[in-house]
Each structure stands twice: as structure tokens, then as C-alpha cells.
Amino acid sequence: MGTATSEHSTAPTTIPQGTTAFHGVRYIVADVERAVDFYTTQLGFSLEHQKLPAFATVALGALKIHLSGPDASGSRPLPDGGKQSPGGSNRIVLRVDNLSSAIAALRDAGATFRNDMETGPAGKQIQVLDPDGNPVELFEPAKSTH
């Protein structure tokens, strides 16, 4: 393990030896092919790699989502027997230019939303659910008033 100083703290942090870069986000899904279709046709991702029915990677710019089906190594039960499953509150956030238009297009395509559009000081957001219930936040930054 190595140590480094975070830009937000003067306390040293421990970094596992050999950690080189951000690799992606893993989402557990029930049907990899269905999830690939959702991310590529509804959210504009491209298919980077797939080994159906177990696994696929979709990408949007530098963001890679590793979609792991029931037979993927990333979906196997935990040592205590606990089952890994989709959902939860952690999520990726995608910036959009016009949130209202994005919501309308996704509604027309039959997408399911977790909440209504929320507005705060930094902008507007809503959570759309992928076919397995994993949340994806769509975010439109507030317009600068300067």
C-alpha cells in the first residue's frame, strides 16, 4: 500500500499498491441483453464488450458500466452467502442539456422514473430506473447568472 495526500484533506490516505485508474461502475442485472438495449437505445451509451448472457460493458465517454448478469463473476454470492442484487441509492449521474426534453423522450419510450424532477441550487435532477431497478440520475446544471 502507498500513501498520498488528498486535495481535500491533509491527512494521508492509503492507496492499494498497483491502483492505476478508475475502471468503471458495476451494475448487477437480471438480463444483460435487456440492460444493454436500455443503455444503448435510451441513454446513448455504446456497446464496448459483451459475453452474453453473463456480462457486457457499455460506455459513454470515459464512463464504463459493467453489466453483470446472474452468471457473471461480479454477481456471485458474497462469502457470508449474501446475494448481490440491483437497486439501492448509489447511482451514476449523467449531465443533460435539457432535463424536461430528456424526461419526455424517456417517458415516451416507456421508462420508469423513481421520483419526480427535483430542483435545487445546483440544478434539476430526476432518477430513471434501468430494467433491473438500478437508478441513473439525469442532471441539468443550473444556468449561470453571472
Protein backbone atom coordinates (compact mmCIF):
# COMPACT_ATOMS: atom_id res chain seq x y z
CA MET A 1 0.00 0.00 0.00
CA GLY A 2 1.16 3.52 -0.75
CA THR A 3 0.11 6.80 0.76
CA ALA A 4 -0.97 10.06 -0.80
CA THR A 5 -2.45 13.33 0.34
CA SER A 6 -5.94 14.13 -0.89
CA GLU A 7 -6.57 17.59 -2.34
CA HIS A 8 -9.42 17.92 0.19
CA SER A 9 -7.53 16.80 3.27
CA THR A 10 -4.04 17.00 4.66
CA ALA A 11 -4.40 13.57 6.25
CA PRO A 12 -2.60 10.83 4.33
CA THR A 13 -4.81 8.30 2.56
CA THR A 14 -3.99 4.69 1.88
CA ILE A 15 -3.99 3.65 -1.78
CA PRO A 16 -3.78 -0.05 -2.66
CA GLN A 17 -0.45 -0.76 -4.36
CA GLY A 18 -0.96 -1.00 -8.12
CA THR A 19 -4.15 1.07 -8.27
CA THR A 20 -3.79 2.91 -11.56
CA ALA A 21 -7.13 4.41 -12.62
CA PHE A 22 -10.90 4.43 -12.40
CA HIS A 23 -12.14 1.36 -14.28
CA GLY A 24 -15.91 1.70 -14.22
CA VAL A 25 -19.12 1.08 -12.31
CA ARG A 26 -20.63 -2.40 -11.91
CA TYR A 27 -24.39 -2.81 -12.03
CA ILE A 28 -25.95 -6.16 -11.22
CA VAL A 29 -28.71 -7.02 -13.72
CA ALA A 30 -31.06 -9.95 -14.31
CA ASP A 31 -30.83 -9.84 -18.13
CA VAL A 32 -27.65 -8.45 -19.68
CA GLU A 33 -29.05 -8.21 -23.21
CA ARG A 34 -32.09 -6.24 -21.99
CA ALA A 35 -29.82 -3.91 -19.97
CA VAL A 36 -27.54 -3.32 -23.00
CA ASP A 37 -30.61 -2.40 -25.05
CA PHE A 38 -31.75 0.10 -22.40
CA TYR A 39 -28.39 1.83 -22.01
CA THR A 40 -27.66 1.99 -25.76
CA THR A 41 -31.10 2.92 -27.08
CA GLN A 42 -32.45 5.03 -24.19
CA LEU A 43 -29.35 6.73 -22.76
CA GLY A 44 -26.93 6.92 -25.70
CA PHE A 45 -24.22 4.54 -24.47
CA SER A 46 -22.21 2.44 -26.91
CA LEU A 47 -21.61 -1.27 -26.53
CA GLU A 48 -17.94 -1.83 -25.80
CA HIS A 49 -17.79 -5.54 -24.97
CA GLN A 50 -20.15 -8.42 -24.30
CA LYS A 51 -20.09 -12.08 -23.34
CA LEU A 52 -23.78 -12.92 -23.28
CA PRO A 53 -25.58 -13.95 -21.25
CA ALA A 54 -23.19 -13.19 -18.37
CA PHE A 55 -21.61 -9.79 -18.96
CA ALA A 56 -21.34 -6.64 -21.06
CA THR A 57 -19.68 -3.24 -20.85
CA VAL A 58 -21.38 -0.10 -22.16
CA ALA A 59 -19.63 3.25 -22.36
CA LEU A 60 -20.50 6.93 -22.53
CA GLY A 61 -17.30 8.95 -22.86
CA ALA A 62 -14.97 7.86 -20.06
CA LEU A 63 -17.79 6.24 -18.05
CA LYS A 64 -17.95 2.46 -18.37
CA ILE A 65 -20.77 0.46 -16.81
CA HIS A 66 -20.07 -3.23 -16.32
CA LEU A 67 -23.40 -5.03 -16.56
CA SER A 68 -23.14 -8.30 -14.66
CA GLY A 69 -25.84 -10.94 -15.08
CA PRO A 70 -26.56 -13.83 -12.71
CA ASP A 71 -23.74 -15.97 -14.17
CA ALA A 72 -21.03 -13.28 -14.07
CA SER A 73 -18.18 -13.49 -11.58
CA GLY A 74 -19.08 -9.99 -10.31
CA SER A 75 -22.55 -11.23 -9.32
CA ARG A 76 -21.56 -14.27 -7.31
CA PRO A 77 -22.77 -14.58 -3.70
CA LEU A 78 -20.66 -12.89 -1.04
CA PRO A 79 -18.61 -15.01 1.40
CA ASP A 80 -21.37 -14.75 4.02
CA GLY A 81 -23.88 -16.11 1.48
CA GLY A 82 -25.43 -12.71 0.86
CA LYS A 83 -26.88 -12.24 -2.62
CA GLN A 84 -25.74 -9.27 -4.70
CA SER A 85 -28.76 -7.55 -6.25
CA PRO A 86 -29.68 -4.49 -8.30
CA GLY A 87 -31.11 -1.26 -6.93
CA GLY A 88 -30.13 0.83 -3.95
CA SER A 89 -29.50 4.56 -3.75
CA ASN A 90 -25.98 4.77 -5.16
CA ARG A 91 -26.14 5.82 -8.79
CA ILE A 92 -24.31 7.28 -11.73
CA VAL A 93 -25.17 10.84 -12.71
CA LEU A 94 -25.45 11.85 -16.37
CA ARG A 95 -25.44 15.55 -17.28
CA VAL A 96 -28.10 16.57 -19.80
CA ASP A 97 -28.67 19.85 -21.64
CA ASN A 98 -32.45 19.89 -21.26
CA LEU A 99 -33.89 17.74 -18.50
CA SER A 100 -37.53 18.31 -19.45
CA SER A 101 -36.88 17.08 -23.00
CA ALA A 102 -34.93 14.08 -21.72
CA ILE A 103 -37.78 13.16 -19.37
CA ALA A 104 -40.36 13.47 -22.16
CA ALA A 105 -38.32 11.25 -24.52
CA LEU A 106 -37.78 8.61 -21.84
CA ARG A 107 -41.47 8.64 -20.83
CA ASP A 108 -42.44 8.20 -24.49
CA ALA A 109 -40.09 5.18 -24.61
CA GLY A 110 -41.79 3.66 -21.55
CA ALA A 111 -39.02 4.33 -19.00
CA THR A 112 -39.78 4.12 -15.28
CA PHE A 113 -38.86 7.00 -13.00
CA ARG A 114 -38.05 6.67 -9.32
CA ASN A 115 -39.07 10.20 -8.43
CA ASP A 116 -40.36 13.47 -9.86
CA MET A 117 -38.00 16.13 -11.12
CA GLU A 118 -36.35 17.93 -8.21
CA THR A 119 -34.90 21.45 -8.38
CA GLY A 120 -32.17 22.75 -6.11
CA PRO A 121 -29.50 25.47 -6.11
CA ALA A 122 -27.13 23.43 -8.31
CA GLY A 123 -29.74 22.40 -10.87
CA LYS A 124 -32.52 19.94 -11.63
CA GLN A 125 -32.45 16.16 -11.42
CA ILE A 126 -34.55 13.03 -11.75
CA GLN A 127 -33.83 9.33 -11.35
CA VAL A 128 -34.73 6.89 -14.15
CA LEU A 129 -34.57 3.17 -13.42
CA ASP A 130 -32.90 0.69 -15.74
CA PRO A 131 -34.89 -2.51 -16.41
CA ASP A 132 -33.48 -4.11 -13.23
CA GLY A 133 -34.15 -1.18 -10.90
CA ASN A 134 -30.66 0.36 -10.90
CA PRO A 135 -31.07 4.14 -10.67
CA VAL A 136 -29.48 6.55 -13.15
CA GLU A 137 -29.69 10.23 -12.26
CA LEU A 138 -30.17 12.74 -15.06
CA PHE A 139 -28.90 16.16 -14.05
CA GLU A 140 -29.24 19.59 -15.68
CA PRO A 141 -26.92 22.15 -14.06
CA ALA A 142 -28.45 25.48 -13.05
CA LYS A 143 -27.91 28.24 -15.58
CA SER A 144 -25.16 30.61 -14.56
CA THR A 145 -26.44 34.07 -13.65
CA HIS A 146 -23.07 35.76 -14.00
